[in-house]
Amino acid sequence: MGLAPAEDLQRSEAPKGAPEDRFALRPLLEPSTVLEPRGRLGRLEERSGWAQLTVIDRRGEDTGRTGLFSSQLIEMIRETARSGERVVCVLNRTGRARLLACRSCGTLAECEQCSAAVFQDDSGQLVCNRCSHTRPAICLDCGSMALSNLRSGVTRAREELEALALEPVVAMTAASSPSPADQVAGSAAEQGARIFIGTQAVIHRVQDAALVAFLDFDQELLAPRYRASEEALRLLMLASRQVGGREGGGRGGGREGGGRVGGREGGGRVVVQTRRPDHEAIEAALRAEPLLVSIAEASRRELLGFPPAANIAVVGYEAAAEFIRRLGDPEGVEVQAGEDGQWLLRSRVPGRLQDVLSEVARPAGRLRLQVDPARLRR
């Protein structure tokens, strides 16, 4: 059985006509970096390619009243649109996406072990989608037991933004993506629009934006994917490429606003709304130092046993149980059963997992086997 690592979702090409790269959009962690001394971790030197970044801290806000859009962001959107330039708002929430936040202090509910988002199961416990760790439904900051769901899709967000911005807003998602020939704007209405909202596909489809705003960046930072921090930083890289980086380098943007939004002096601006302003991915973008994410991720993946510190494989579908039975209990390989009919295999011995899997006869029936997948379907 031929076994190859799952396709690396980080290595996607930019759309035709997109602004030229000022830095590499590649995975920050490779086996040669995470297992070597920190001083040899790869660095991205092209700091001038990073856009000015504004971080809006929403921990002290009553989001039940303000919704997705802080007053500061609305003012920035209005100012940019009035200047005749384009605004792109990104909301990657899908129908199942959800976050829990404390009603008392606004702190997001996270996993104590790996910092991913958690959900509340039928028993009332908080469960991590990334590492399966469980804990009581209590806010770790203030001790409150009152948690609320944060959830809103693109369609509803477009309606809210249109009312707040006082002008038409065009919604775009991956499902509505046009052909490459129509990538910039398909209709006359889109060509004349100044404000766009959608999933991250909108970053590729709308060119020459002066402002790119991530409405709920915590959805990226706390995603159950083990590459969440890396992928969150990659989104900020893509947004920087869209608006144009600051010329002449510098140490980054700022928190709580500031700087020019409209106009093209020194490039455009990227805005993130978050309840985790101290997250390493945000700090890395503020300082134009992707190394910060590499260092944090190296330690985290070593602790949790994720690539490249270990090899993993996901086994699923109808024939999975028989495959696991034939696999047995090989030395150096950990087998973990999931509640969704999937199995997670892990080995910290280089090459051991691939060798073991190649010796298992494939059973009849549908079988999904992914080695070192970029994302875990848990």
Foldseek 3Di string as FASTA:
>chain_A
DDADFADAPQPDDAFPPFFDALWDSDFQDDLVALPDPLVPRDWTDSQQLFAFEEEEACQAPQCVVVPLDDPVNLVLLLVQVVLVFAEEEAEADDPPQKWKAANPRGHTDADPQQGAGWDQDPVQWTAALQQGDIDHQADPPPGDNDMDIRDDAFVVVQVVSCVSSVHHEAEDEPVRQDPSVCQQHNDPVSVSDRYYYYHLSVLRRHAQGQEYEYSELSSQCRPSWLCSLSVSLSSSSSNSSRFGGFPPRDQHHYYPDDDDAHDQHRTHYYYYYYNCCPDQSNNCSRRVTCSSVSVVSSVSCCVSQAPPQKKKKKKADDQRVVQVVQLPDDPQKDWADDPVRMIMIIGNPPPPVVVSSVPGDRDDDDMDMHMRYSGDDD
